[in-house]
N, C-alpha and C. Protein backbone atom coordinates (compact mmCIF):
# COMPACT_ATOMS: atom_id res chain seq x y z
N UNK A 1 -37.67 8.94 15.51
CA UNK A 1 -36.84 7.77 15.82
C UNK A 1 -36.42 7.82 17.28
N UNK A 2 -36.51 6.65 17.95
CA UNK A 2 -36.10 6.56 19.35
C UNK A 2 -34.62 6.88 19.49
N UNK A 3 -34.31 7.70 20.51
CA UNK A 3 -32.92 8.11 20.69
C UNK A 3 -32.02 6.92 20.97
N UNK A 4 -32.59 5.84 21.55
CA UNK A 4 -31.77 4.69 21.87
C UNK A 4 -31.34 3.92 20.64
N UNK A 5 -32.14 4.07 19.56
CA UNK A 5 -31.82 3.34 18.34
C UNK A 5 -31.28 4.24 17.25
N UNK A 6 -31.13 5.55 17.53
CA UNK A 6 -30.62 6.47 16.53
C UNK A 6 -29.15 6.19 16.26
N UNK A 7 -28.76 6.54 15.05
CA UNK A 7 -27.37 6.31 14.66
C UNK A 7 -26.43 7.17 15.47
N UNK A 8 -25.41 6.57 16.02
CA UNK A 8 -24.44 7.29 16.83
C UNK A 8 -23.37 7.89 15.93
N UNK A 9 -22.86 9.06 16.28
CA UNK A 9 -21.78 9.66 15.48
C UNK A 9 -20.55 8.79 15.48
N UNK A 10 -19.79 8.85 14.39
CA UNK A 10 -18.57 8.05 14.29
C UNK A 10 -17.58 8.45 15.36
N UNK A 11 -16.94 7.46 15.95
CA UNK A 11 -15.95 7.72 16.99
C UNK A 11 -14.64 8.14 16.36
N UNK A 12 -14.01 9.15 16.95
CA UNK A 12 -12.69 9.57 16.48
C UNK A 12 -11.66 8.53 16.89
N UNK A 13 -10.58 8.37 16.14
CA UNK A 13 -9.54 7.41 16.50
C UNK A 13 -8.98 7.70 17.89
N UNK A 14 -8.70 6.66 18.63
CA UNK A 14 -8.12 6.83 19.96
C UNK A 14 -6.64 7.16 19.83
N UNK A 15 -6.23 8.24 20.48
CA UNK A 15 -4.83 8.62 20.46
C UNK A 15 -4.11 7.96 21.63
N UNK A 16 -3.07 7.25 21.32
CA UNK A 16 -2.30 6.59 22.37
C UNK A 16 -1.31 7.59 22.96
N UNK A 17 -1.32 7.68 24.29
CA UNK A 17 -0.44 8.66 24.94
C UNK A 17 1.01 8.27 24.82
N UNK A 18 1.26 6.97 24.67
CA UNK A 18 2.64 6.51 24.50
C UNK A 18 2.69 5.51 23.37
N UNK A 19 3.85 5.34 22.78
CA UNK A 19 4.04 4.36 21.72
C UNK A 19 5.47 3.86 21.79
N UNK A 20 5.63 2.58 21.48
CA UNK A 20 6.97 2.02 21.51
C UNK A 20 7.82 2.54 20.36
N UNK A 21 7.19 2.76 19.22
CA UNK A 21 7.92 3.15 18.02
C UNK A 21 7.28 4.37 17.38
N UNK A 22 8.02 5.46 17.34
CA UNK A 22 7.59 6.64 16.61
C UNK A 22 8.34 6.70 15.30
N UNK A 23 7.63 6.57 14.19
CA UNK A 23 8.26 6.47 12.88
C UNK A 23 8.07 7.79 12.13
N UNK A 24 9.18 8.40 11.78
CA UNK A 24 9.13 9.68 11.09
C UNK A 24 9.08 9.47 9.58
N UNK A 25 8.05 10.04 8.95
CA UNK A 25 7.85 9.96 7.51
C UNK A 25 7.78 11.38 6.94
N UNK A 26 8.45 11.62 5.84
CA UNK A 26 8.41 12.93 5.19
C UNK A 26 7.68 12.82 3.86
N UNK A 27 6.81 13.78 3.60
CA UNK A 27 6.09 13.88 2.32
C UNK A 27 6.70 15.03 1.54
N UNK A 28 7.30 14.71 0.40
CA UNK A 28 8.00 15.72 -0.40
C UNK A 28 7.43 15.72 -1.82
N UNK A 29 7.83 16.72 -2.58
CA UNK A 29 7.38 16.83 -3.96
C UNK A 29 7.41 18.27 -4.40
N UNK A 30 7.01 18.50 -5.63
CA UNK A 30 7.02 19.84 -6.19
C UNK A 30 5.96 20.75 -5.58
N UNK A 31 5.98 21.97 -6.02
CA UNK A 31 5.07 23.00 -5.54
C UNK A 31 3.65 22.66 -5.99
N UNK A 32 2.71 22.61 -5.03
CA UNK A 32 1.30 22.45 -5.37
C UNK A 32 0.88 21.05 -5.77
N UNK A 33 1.63 20.01 -5.33
CA UNK A 33 1.26 18.64 -5.71
C UNK A 33 0.29 18.00 -4.72
N UNK A 34 0.01 18.66 -3.58
CA UNK A 34 -0.96 18.13 -2.64
C UNK A 34 -0.39 17.60 -1.34
N UNK A 35 0.81 18.01 -0.97
CA UNK A 35 1.44 17.49 0.25
C UNK A 35 0.65 17.89 1.50
N UNK A 36 0.28 19.17 1.59
CA UNK A 36 -0.51 19.62 2.73
C UNK A 36 -1.85 18.91 2.78
N UNK A 37 -2.47 18.73 1.63
CA UNK A 37 -3.77 18.05 1.55
C UNK A 37 -3.66 16.62 2.06
N UNK A 38 -2.59 15.91 1.68
CA UNK A 38 -2.42 14.52 2.12
C UNK A 38 -2.26 14.46 3.63
N UNK A 39 -1.41 15.32 4.20
CA UNK A 39 -1.21 15.30 5.65
C UNK A 39 -2.51 15.62 6.37
N UNK A 40 -3.26 16.58 5.88
CA UNK A 40 -4.53 16.94 6.51
C UNK A 40 -5.54 15.80 6.44
N UNK A 41 -5.58 15.13 5.30
CA UNK A 41 -6.62 14.12 5.10
C UNK A 41 -6.41 12.91 5.99
N UNK A 42 -5.16 12.59 6.31
CA UNK A 42 -4.88 11.33 7.00
C UNK A 42 -4.57 11.51 8.48
N UNK A 43 -4.24 12.71 8.91
CA UNK A 43 -3.83 12.92 10.29
C UNK A 43 -5.01 12.72 11.24
N UNK A 44 -4.76 12.05 12.37
CA UNK A 44 -5.80 11.83 13.37
C UNK A 44 -5.83 12.95 14.40
N UNK A 45 -4.89 13.87 14.33
CA UNK A 45 -4.91 15.07 15.15
C UNK A 45 -5.09 16.26 14.22
N UNK A 46 -5.44 17.38 14.80
CA UNK A 46 -5.50 18.60 14.00
C UNK A 46 -4.09 18.92 13.53
N UNK A 47 -3.84 18.87 12.23
CA UNK A 47 -2.46 19.02 11.77
C UNK A 47 -1.94 20.43 11.96
N UNK A 48 -0.65 20.49 12.25
CA UNK A 48 0.04 21.77 12.26
C UNK A 48 0.42 22.11 10.84
N UNK A 49 0.10 23.31 10.41
CA UNK A 49 0.56 23.72 9.09
C UNK A 49 1.03 25.16 9.14
N UNK A 50 1.86 25.51 8.18
CA UNK A 50 2.44 26.85 8.12
C UNK A 50 2.12 27.48 6.78
N UNK A 51 0.86 27.33 6.37
CA UNK A 51 0.45 27.91 5.10
C UNK A 51 0.24 29.41 5.25
N UNK A 52 0.70 30.13 4.25
CA UNK A 52 0.51 31.57 4.19
C UNK A 52 -0.04 31.94 2.82
N UNK A 53 -0.71 33.07 2.77
CA UNK A 53 -1.27 33.54 1.51
C UNK A 53 -0.15 33.97 0.58
N UNK A 54 -0.23 33.52 -0.67
CA UNK A 54 0.78 33.91 -1.65
C UNK A 54 0.58 35.37 -2.04
N UNK A 55 1.70 36.08 -2.20
CA UNK A 55 1.65 37.50 -2.55
C UNK A 55 2.39 37.73 -3.86
N UNK A 56 2.27 38.94 -4.36
CA UNK A 56 2.94 39.30 -5.60
C UNK A 56 4.45 39.23 -5.46
N UNK A 57 4.96 39.34 -4.22
CA UNK A 57 6.41 39.31 -4.03
C UNK A 57 7.01 37.98 -4.45
N UNK A 58 6.22 36.90 -4.37
CA UNK A 58 6.74 35.59 -4.73
C UNK A 58 6.55 35.22 -6.18
N UNK A 59 5.87 36.05 -6.95
CA UNK A 59 5.59 35.70 -8.33
C UNK A 59 6.84 35.58 -9.18
N UNK A 60 7.87 36.32 -8.82
CA UNK A 60 9.08 36.31 -9.63
C UNK A 60 9.94 35.08 -9.38
N UNK A 61 9.68 34.36 -8.27
CA UNK A 61 10.54 33.22 -7.93
C UNK A 61 9.80 31.89 -7.87
N UNK A 62 8.47 31.91 -7.67
CA UNK A 62 7.70 30.67 -7.58
C UNK A 62 7.11 30.31 -8.94
N UNK A 63 7.31 29.06 -9.35
CA UNK A 63 6.76 28.57 -10.61
C UNK A 63 5.33 28.11 -10.37
N UNK A 64 4.38 28.77 -11.03
CA UNK A 64 2.97 28.46 -10.81
C UNK A 64 2.29 27.92 -12.06
N UNK A 65 3.10 27.46 -13.03
CA UNK A 65 2.50 26.89 -14.23
C UNK A 65 1.69 25.66 -13.87
N UNK A 66 0.44 25.64 -14.32
CA UNK A 66 -0.41 24.49 -14.06
C UNK A 66 -1.14 24.54 -12.74
N UNK A 67 -0.84 25.51 -11.89
CA UNK A 67 -1.52 25.64 -10.59
C UNK A 67 -1.91 27.09 -10.36
N UNK A 68 -2.46 27.72 -11.40
CA UNK A 68 -2.77 29.14 -11.34
C UNK A 68 -3.78 29.47 -10.24
N UNK A 69 -4.61 28.51 -9.84
CA UNK A 69 -5.63 28.77 -8.82
C UNK A 69 -5.12 28.65 -7.39
N UNK A 70 -3.87 28.30 -7.20
CA UNK A 70 -3.33 28.13 -5.84
C UNK A 70 -3.10 29.49 -5.20
N UNK A 71 -3.62 29.67 -3.98
CA UNK A 71 -3.53 30.97 -3.32
C UNK A 71 -2.73 30.95 -2.03
N UNK A 72 -2.38 29.75 -1.53
CA UNK A 72 -1.60 29.65 -0.30
C UNK A 72 -0.40 28.74 -0.54
N UNK A 73 0.57 28.85 0.36
CA UNK A 73 1.77 28.03 0.21
C UNK A 73 2.36 27.71 1.58
N UNK A 74 2.97 26.53 1.71
CA UNK A 74 3.64 26.14 2.95
C UNK A 74 5.01 26.81 3.01
N UNK A 75 5.30 27.46 4.13
CA UNK A 75 6.57 28.19 4.24
C UNK A 75 7.55 27.53 5.22
N UNK A 76 7.14 26.48 5.91
CA UNK A 76 8.05 25.75 6.79
C UNK A 76 7.80 24.26 6.61
N UNK A 77 6.78 23.72 7.28
CA UNK A 77 6.42 22.31 7.08
C UNK A 77 5.03 22.06 7.67
N UNK A 78 4.41 20.97 7.24
CA UNK A 78 3.17 20.49 7.82
C UNK A 78 3.51 19.34 8.77
N UNK A 79 2.67 19.14 9.77
CA UNK A 79 2.90 18.04 10.70
C UNK A 79 1.59 17.37 11.05
N UNK A 80 1.58 16.03 10.98
CA UNK A 80 0.41 15.27 11.38
C UNK A 80 0.84 13.96 12.01
N UNK A 81 -0.14 13.21 12.50
CA UNK A 81 0.15 11.95 13.19
C UNK A 81 -0.94 10.95 12.89
N UNK A 82 -0.55 9.68 12.72
CA UNK A 82 -1.51 8.60 12.56
C UNK A 82 -0.99 7.37 13.29
N UNK A 83 -1.85 6.75 14.10
CA UNK A 83 -1.48 5.54 14.84
C UNK A 83 -1.73 4.32 13.98
N UNK A 84 -0.71 3.50 13.80
CA UNK A 84 -0.87 2.24 13.08
C UNK A 84 -1.48 1.19 13.98
N UNK A 85 -1.04 1.15 15.25
CA UNK A 85 -1.58 0.26 16.26
C UNK A 85 -1.16 0.82 17.62
N UNK A 86 -1.32 0.00 18.67
CA UNK A 86 -1.03 0.50 20.02
C UNK A 86 0.45 0.79 20.25
N UNK A 87 1.29 0.30 19.37
CA UNK A 87 2.74 0.42 19.60
C UNK A 87 3.47 1.24 18.54
N UNK A 88 2.82 1.51 17.40
CA UNK A 88 3.51 2.19 16.30
C UNK A 88 2.73 3.40 15.83
N UNK A 89 3.41 4.52 15.80
CA UNK A 89 2.81 5.78 15.38
C UNK A 89 3.66 6.39 14.27
N UNK A 90 2.99 6.88 13.23
CA UNK A 90 3.68 7.61 12.17
C UNK A 90 3.58 9.10 12.44
N UNK A 91 4.71 9.78 12.40
CA UNK A 91 4.74 11.23 12.46
C UNK A 91 5.03 11.74 11.05
N UNK A 92 4.11 12.53 10.53
CA UNK A 92 4.19 12.96 9.13
C UNK A 92 4.65 14.41 9.04
N UNK A 93 5.66 14.63 8.22
CA UNK A 93 6.17 15.98 7.97
C UNK A 93 6.02 16.28 6.48
N UNK A 94 5.26 17.31 6.15
CA UNK A 94 5.12 17.73 4.77
C UNK A 94 6.08 18.85 4.46
N UNK A 95 6.98 18.64 3.50
CA UNK A 95 8.02 19.63 3.19
C UNK A 95 7.47 20.69 2.22
N UNK A 96 7.96 21.92 2.31
CA UNK A 96 7.55 22.95 1.36
C UNK A 96 8.07 22.63 -0.04
N UNK A 97 7.31 23.02 -1.06
CA UNK A 97 7.66 22.63 -2.41
C UNK A 97 8.46 23.63 -3.22
N UNK A 98 8.42 24.92 -2.83
CA UNK A 98 9.11 25.92 -3.65
C UNK A 98 10.63 25.80 -3.50
N UNK A 99 11.30 26.10 -4.58
CA UNK A 99 12.76 25.98 -4.61
C UNK A 99 13.41 26.83 -3.52
N UNK A 100 12.84 27.98 -3.20
CA UNK A 100 13.48 28.87 -2.21
C UNK A 100 13.44 28.31 -0.79
N UNK A 101 12.64 27.23 -0.56
CA UNK A 101 12.58 26.60 0.75
C UNK A 101 13.25 25.24 0.78
N UNK A 102 13.92 24.86 -0.30
CA UNK A 102 14.53 23.53 -0.35
C UNK A 102 15.64 23.36 0.68
N UNK A 103 16.21 24.46 1.17
CA UNK A 103 17.29 24.34 2.16
C UNK A 103 16.78 23.68 3.44
N UNK A 104 15.45 23.66 3.66
CA UNK A 104 14.88 23.03 4.85
C UNK A 104 14.84 21.51 4.75
N UNK A 105 14.91 21.00 3.51
CA UNK A 105 14.66 19.57 3.31
C UNK A 105 15.68 18.70 4.04
N UNK A 106 16.96 19.02 3.94
CA UNK A 106 17.98 18.17 4.56
C UNK A 106 17.77 18.06 6.06
N UNK A 107 17.29 19.13 6.69
CA UNK A 107 17.00 19.08 8.12
C UNK A 107 15.80 18.19 8.40
N UNK A 108 14.78 18.28 7.55
CA UNK A 108 13.61 17.43 7.73
C UNK A 108 13.93 15.96 7.52
N UNK A 109 14.91 15.67 6.67
CA UNK A 109 15.28 14.28 6.40
C UNK A 109 15.99 13.62 7.58
N UNK A 110 16.53 14.41 8.50
CA UNK A 110 17.26 13.84 9.63
C UNK A 110 16.34 12.94 10.45
N UNK A 111 16.74 11.69 10.65
CA UNK A 111 15.95 10.76 11.44
C UNK A 111 14.76 10.16 10.71
N UNK A 112 14.66 10.43 9.43
CA UNK A 112 13.52 9.92 8.65
C UNK A 112 13.74 8.48 8.23
N UNK A 113 12.72 7.64 8.43
CA UNK A 113 12.81 6.25 8.01
C UNK A 113 12.45 6.07 6.54
N UNK A 114 11.58 6.90 6.05
CA UNK A 114 11.15 6.78 4.66
C UNK A 114 10.38 8.01 4.22
N UNK A 115 10.08 8.07 2.94
CA UNK A 115 9.44 9.26 2.39
C UNK A 115 8.43 8.89 1.31
N UNK A 116 7.44 9.76 1.17
CA UNK A 116 6.50 9.71 0.06
C UNK A 116 6.84 10.86 -0.87
N UNK A 117 7.12 10.55 -2.14
CA UNK A 117 7.28 11.59 -3.15
C UNK A 117 5.95 11.72 -3.87
N UNK A 118 5.24 12.81 -3.58
CA UNK A 118 3.94 13.03 -4.20
C UNK A 118 4.14 13.80 -5.50
N UNK A 119 3.53 13.31 -6.58
CA UNK A 119 3.75 13.94 -7.88
C UNK A 119 2.43 14.26 -8.56
N UNK A 120 2.48 15.27 -9.36
CA UNK A 120 1.40 15.64 -10.29
C UNK A 120 1.88 15.19 -11.66
N UNK A 121 1.19 14.24 -12.29
CA UNK A 121 1.68 13.68 -13.55
C UNK A 121 1.68 14.70 -14.68
N UNK A 122 1.03 15.84 -14.49
CA UNK A 122 1.09 16.92 -15.49
C UNK A 122 2.41 17.68 -15.42
N UNK A 123 3.12 17.52 -14.27
CA UNK A 123 4.36 18.27 -14.04
C UNK A 123 5.39 17.35 -13.40
N UNK A 124 5.72 16.27 -14.08
CA UNK A 124 6.62 15.27 -13.50
C UNK A 124 8.02 15.82 -13.23
N UNK A 125 8.46 16.76 -14.05
CA UNK A 125 9.82 17.29 -13.87
C UNK A 125 9.99 17.97 -12.52
N UNK A 126 8.88 18.44 -11.92
CA UNK A 126 8.97 19.10 -10.62
C UNK A 126 9.35 18.14 -9.50
N UNK A 127 9.33 16.83 -9.77
CA UNK A 127 9.62 15.83 -8.75
C UNK A 127 11.07 15.36 -8.77
N UNK A 128 11.82 15.76 -9.77
CA UNK A 128 13.18 15.24 -9.92
C UNK A 128 14.06 15.61 -8.74
N UNK A 129 13.94 16.84 -8.25
CA UNK A 129 14.81 17.27 -7.15
C UNK A 129 14.55 16.44 -5.90
N UNK A 130 13.26 16.19 -5.59
CA UNK A 130 12.92 15.41 -4.40
C UNK A 130 13.53 14.01 -4.48
N UNK A 131 13.42 13.37 -5.62
CA UNK A 131 13.97 12.03 -5.79
C UNK A 131 15.48 12.05 -5.68
N UNK A 132 16.11 13.07 -6.26
CA UNK A 132 17.57 13.18 -6.20
C UNK A 132 18.05 13.33 -4.77
N UNK A 133 17.37 14.16 -3.96
CA UNK A 133 17.80 14.37 -2.59
C UNK A 133 17.62 13.12 -1.74
N UNK A 134 16.52 12.39 -1.96
CA UNK A 134 16.30 11.16 -1.19
C UNK A 134 17.34 10.11 -1.55
N UNK A 135 17.65 9.99 -2.83
CA UNK A 135 18.68 9.04 -3.24
C UNK A 135 20.03 9.43 -2.66
N UNK A 136 20.30 10.74 -2.62
CA UNK A 136 21.56 11.23 -2.04
C UNK A 136 21.67 10.86 -0.57
N UNK A 137 20.57 10.94 0.16
CA UNK A 137 20.58 10.60 1.59
C UNK A 137 20.44 9.11 1.83
N UNK A 138 20.14 8.33 0.79
CA UNK A 138 19.93 6.90 0.97
C UNK A 138 18.64 6.59 1.70
N UNK A 139 17.63 7.45 1.55
CA UNK A 139 16.35 7.28 2.24
C UNK A 139 15.38 6.49 1.38
N UNK A 140 14.85 5.37 1.86
CA UNK A 140 13.85 4.63 1.08
C UNK A 140 12.60 5.48 0.83
N UNK A 141 12.01 5.33 -0.33
CA UNK A 141 10.82 6.13 -0.65
C UNK A 141 9.94 5.39 -1.64
N UNK A 142 8.70 5.87 -1.75
CA UNK A 142 7.83 5.46 -2.84
C UNK A 142 7.32 6.70 -3.54
N UNK A 143 6.80 6.52 -4.73
CA UNK A 143 6.24 7.61 -5.51
C UNK A 143 4.72 7.43 -5.56
N UNK A 144 3.99 8.48 -5.20
CA UNK A 144 2.52 8.45 -5.24
C UNK A 144 2.04 9.52 -6.22
N UNK A 145 1.31 9.10 -7.23
CA UNK A 145 0.77 10.02 -8.24
C UNK A 145 -0.59 10.52 -7.77
N UNK A 146 -0.69 11.81 -7.50
CA UNK A 146 -1.93 12.41 -7.02
C UNK A 146 -2.87 12.66 -8.20
N UNK A 147 -4.15 12.37 -8.00
CA UNK A 147 -5.14 12.49 -9.06
C UNK A 147 -5.65 13.92 -9.15
N UNK A 148 -5.28 14.61 -10.23
CA UNK A 148 -5.78 15.96 -10.47
C UNK A 148 -6.80 15.99 -11.61
N UNK A 149 -7.25 14.81 -12.05
CA UNK A 149 -8.26 14.75 -13.08
C UNK A 149 -7.77 15.08 -14.48
N UNK A 150 -6.47 15.09 -14.67
CA UNK A 150 -5.91 15.39 -15.99
C UNK A 150 -5.72 14.13 -16.80
N UNK A 151 -4.92 14.21 -17.86
CA UNK A 151 -4.63 13.03 -18.68
C UNK A 151 -4.00 11.92 -17.84
N UNK A 152 -4.39 10.70 -18.10
CA UNK A 152 -3.85 9.58 -17.35
C UNK A 152 -2.56 9.08 -17.99
N UNK A 153 -1.69 8.55 -17.15
CA UNK A 153 -0.43 7.96 -17.61
C UNK A 153 -0.32 6.57 -17.02
N UNK A 154 0.25 5.68 -17.77
CA UNK A 154 0.43 4.32 -17.25
C UNK A 154 1.58 4.32 -16.25
N UNK A 155 1.61 3.35 -15.34
CA UNK A 155 2.73 3.26 -14.40
C UNK A 155 4.08 3.19 -15.11
N UNK A 156 4.15 2.47 -16.22
CA UNK A 156 5.41 2.37 -16.94
C UNK A 156 5.86 3.72 -17.49
N UNK A 157 4.90 4.52 -17.95
CA UNK A 157 5.24 5.85 -18.48
C UNK A 157 5.79 6.75 -17.37
N UNK A 158 5.14 6.70 -16.19
CA UNK A 158 5.61 7.52 -15.07
C UNK A 158 6.97 7.04 -14.61
N UNK A 159 7.14 5.73 -14.50
CA UNK A 159 8.41 5.16 -14.04
C UNK A 159 9.55 5.54 -14.98
N UNK A 160 9.29 5.48 -16.29
CA UNK A 160 10.32 5.84 -17.26
C UNK A 160 10.64 7.33 -17.19
N UNK A 161 9.61 8.16 -17.05
CA UNK A 161 9.81 9.61 -17.02
C UNK A 161 10.63 10.04 -15.80
N UNK A 162 10.44 9.33 -14.67
CA UNK A 162 11.16 9.68 -13.44
C UNK A 162 12.42 8.85 -13.25
N UNK A 163 12.67 7.92 -14.19
CA UNK A 163 13.86 7.06 -14.13
C UNK A 163 13.94 6.35 -12.78
N UNK A 164 12.83 5.73 -12.38
CA UNK A 164 12.76 5.06 -11.08
C UNK A 164 13.38 3.68 -11.16
N UNK A 165 14.07 3.31 -10.11
CA UNK A 165 14.59 1.94 -10.00
C UNK A 165 13.42 0.97 -9.87
N UNK A 166 13.63 -0.26 -10.27
CA UNK A 166 12.56 -1.25 -10.27
C UNK A 166 12.01 -1.52 -8.88
N UNK A 167 12.83 -1.35 -7.84
CA UNK A 167 12.37 -1.68 -6.48
C UNK A 167 11.69 -0.50 -5.79
N UNK A 168 11.53 0.64 -6.47
CA UNK A 168 10.82 1.78 -5.88
C UNK A 168 9.33 1.63 -6.18
N UNK A 169 8.48 1.50 -5.15
CA UNK A 169 7.04 1.34 -5.40
C UNK A 169 6.44 2.58 -6.04
N UNK A 170 5.45 2.35 -6.90
CA UNK A 170 4.73 3.43 -7.57
C UNK A 170 3.25 3.17 -7.39
N UNK A 171 2.54 4.13 -6.78
CA UNK A 171 1.11 3.98 -6.52
C UNK A 171 0.37 5.22 -7.02
N UNK A 172 -0.94 5.08 -7.19
CA UNK A 172 -1.79 6.20 -7.57
C UNK A 172 -2.74 6.48 -6.42
N UNK A 173 -3.06 7.75 -6.20
CA UNK A 173 -3.87 8.11 -5.03
C UNK A 173 -4.67 9.38 -5.29
N UNK A 174 -5.57 9.65 -4.35
CA UNK A 174 -6.28 10.92 -4.27
C UNK A 174 -5.98 11.49 -2.89
N UNK A 175 -5.13 12.51 -2.83
CA UNK A 175 -4.67 13.03 -1.55
C UNK A 175 -5.80 13.61 -0.70
N UNK A 176 -6.96 13.87 -1.31
CA UNK A 176 -8.09 14.40 -0.55
C UNK A 176 -8.80 13.32 0.25
N UNK A 177 -8.58 12.06 -0.11
CA UNK A 177 -9.27 10.94 0.51
C UNK A 177 -8.44 10.34 1.64
N UNK A 178 -9.03 10.23 2.82
CA UNK A 178 -8.31 9.64 3.95
C UNK A 178 -7.93 8.19 3.65
N UNK A 179 -8.85 7.41 3.09
CA UNK A 179 -8.57 6.01 2.81
C UNK A 179 -7.46 5.87 1.77
N UNK A 180 -7.51 6.71 0.75
CA UNK A 180 -6.48 6.65 -0.29
C UNK A 180 -5.12 7.03 0.28
N UNK A 181 -5.08 8.07 1.11
CA UNK A 181 -3.81 8.49 1.71
C UNK A 181 -3.28 7.44 2.67
N UNK A 182 -4.18 6.77 3.40
CA UNK A 182 -3.75 5.69 4.31
C UNK A 182 -3.11 4.56 3.52
N UNK A 183 -3.67 4.24 2.35
CA UNK A 183 -3.09 3.16 1.54
C UNK A 183 -1.69 3.52 1.08
N UNK A 184 -1.45 4.80 0.80
CA UNK A 184 -0.10 5.24 0.43
C UNK A 184 0.87 4.98 1.58
N UNK A 185 0.48 5.35 2.80
CA UNK A 185 1.36 5.18 3.95
C UNK A 185 1.57 3.70 4.28
N UNK A 186 0.51 2.90 4.14
CA UNK A 186 0.66 1.46 4.38
C UNK A 186 1.64 0.86 3.37
N UNK A 187 1.52 1.30 2.11
CA UNK A 187 2.45 0.81 1.08
C UNK A 187 3.88 1.18 1.41
N UNK A 188 4.08 2.39 1.94
CA UNK A 188 5.43 2.82 2.31
C UNK A 188 5.96 1.98 3.46
N UNK A 189 5.13 1.74 4.49
CA UNK A 189 5.59 0.93 5.63
C UNK A 189 5.96 -0.48 5.16
N UNK A 190 5.16 -1.06 4.28
CA UNK A 190 5.47 -2.38 3.74
C UNK A 190 6.79 -2.36 2.98
N UNK A 191 7.03 -1.28 2.23
CA UNK A 191 8.30 -1.14 1.51
C UNK A 191 9.47 -1.04 2.47
N UNK A 192 9.29 -0.28 3.56
CA UNK A 192 10.36 -0.13 4.55
C UNK A 192 10.69 -1.47 5.20
N UNK A 193 9.67 -2.28 5.44
CA UNK A 193 9.92 -3.61 6.01
C UNK A 193 10.70 -4.47 5.03
N UNK A 194 10.36 -4.37 3.75
CA UNK A 194 11.08 -5.13 2.74
C UNK A 194 12.55 -4.71 2.69
N UNK A 195 12.77 -3.40 2.72
CA UNK A 195 14.14 -2.88 2.68
C UNK A 195 14.93 -3.35 3.90
N UNK A 196 14.28 -3.31 5.08
CA UNK A 196 14.96 -3.70 6.32
C UNK A 196 15.30 -5.19 6.35
N UNK A 197 14.50 -5.99 5.61
CA UNK A 197 14.72 -7.44 5.61
C UNK A 197 15.79 -7.89 4.63
N UNK A 198 16.25 -6.97 3.78
CA UNK A 198 17.27 -7.35 2.81
C UNK A 198 18.60 -7.61 3.51
N UNK A 199 19.33 -8.61 3.04
CA UNK A 199 20.66 -8.84 3.63
C UNK A 199 21.58 -7.67 3.33
N UNK A 200 22.48 -7.36 4.23
CA UNK A 200 23.40 -6.24 4.00
C UNK A 200 24.27 -6.51 2.79
N UNK A 201 24.51 -5.44 2.05
CA UNK A 201 25.36 -5.56 0.88
C UNK A 201 26.82 -5.63 1.30
N UNK A 202 27.60 -6.54 0.68
CA UNK A 202 29.01 -6.65 1.05
C UNK A 202 29.77 -5.38 0.67
N UNK A 203 30.68 -5.02 1.53
CA UNK A 203 31.50 -3.84 1.27
C UNK A 203 32.69 -4.24 0.40
N UNK A 204 32.85 -3.51 -0.69
CA UNK A 204 33.96 -3.81 -1.59
C UNK A 204 35.27 -3.31 -0.98
N UNK A 205 36.22 -4.21 -0.89
CA UNK A 205 37.52 -3.84 -0.35
C UNK A 205 38.45 -3.40 -1.49
N UNK A 206 39.09 -2.29 -1.27
CA UNK A 206 40.01 -1.79 -2.27
C UNK A 206 41.32 -2.59 -2.21
N UNK A 207 41.78 -3.00 -3.35
CA UNK A 207 43.04 -3.72 -3.42
C UNK A 207 44.20 -2.75 -3.22
N UNK A 208 45.04 -3.00 -2.21
CA UNK A 208 46.15 -2.06 -1.96
C UNK A 208 47.09 -2.01 -3.15
N UNK A 209 47.52 -0.82 -3.44
CA UNK A 209 48.46 -0.63 -4.53
C UNK A 209 49.86 -1.12 -4.13
N UNK A 210 50.55 -1.76 -5.04
CA UNK A 210 51.90 -2.23 -4.68
C UNK A 210 52.84 -1.09 -4.38
N UNK A 211 53.72 -1.35 -3.47
CA UNK A 211 54.68 -0.30 -3.10
C UNK A 211 55.62 -0.05 -4.27
N UNK A 212 56.00 1.18 -4.49
CA UNK A 212 56.92 1.48 -5.60
C UNK A 212 58.30 0.90 -5.38
């Protein structure tokens, strides 16, 4: 085949040196639900990660039910970046999932516009803490069910199990797929725009108590 007509390699996304809006997004969830995988799959830069090999020292404190084949774990956070357009960039932070690292979450939430709660439908209870902390901080979020090839659950079943409010988006994804992970982030950005467009809620004024 003539070199002039041969297929050219795919071009990597252009990284913008500057952006008007840097949007911080946190990916949270239980241990082994695929947070590192999602950040890796969608990031347009080589992601920073702090994965370390799991050792016997952690067996007494880390819950590994359902993820017996997992050999590494995030001990600080993952970081990636994806450009939405010339003016908007998402900075992605993947939080560690083990309970012993949860003290890092509140720091990661600082300055966060929104979050993805990634869940494994085989272990939905592992996602309760993430949802509780986001609700405590008042951080908008969506729930993304990662496909592990196990039994399927309907959206209503997942929503009921996690006691999600009606306005919290629920999507299904494959964290290994760049396109699937991008759709999760696009859904979150659309949700954030919806939240920002809502009229402010009136502040309830307390009725002063009569003087004795």
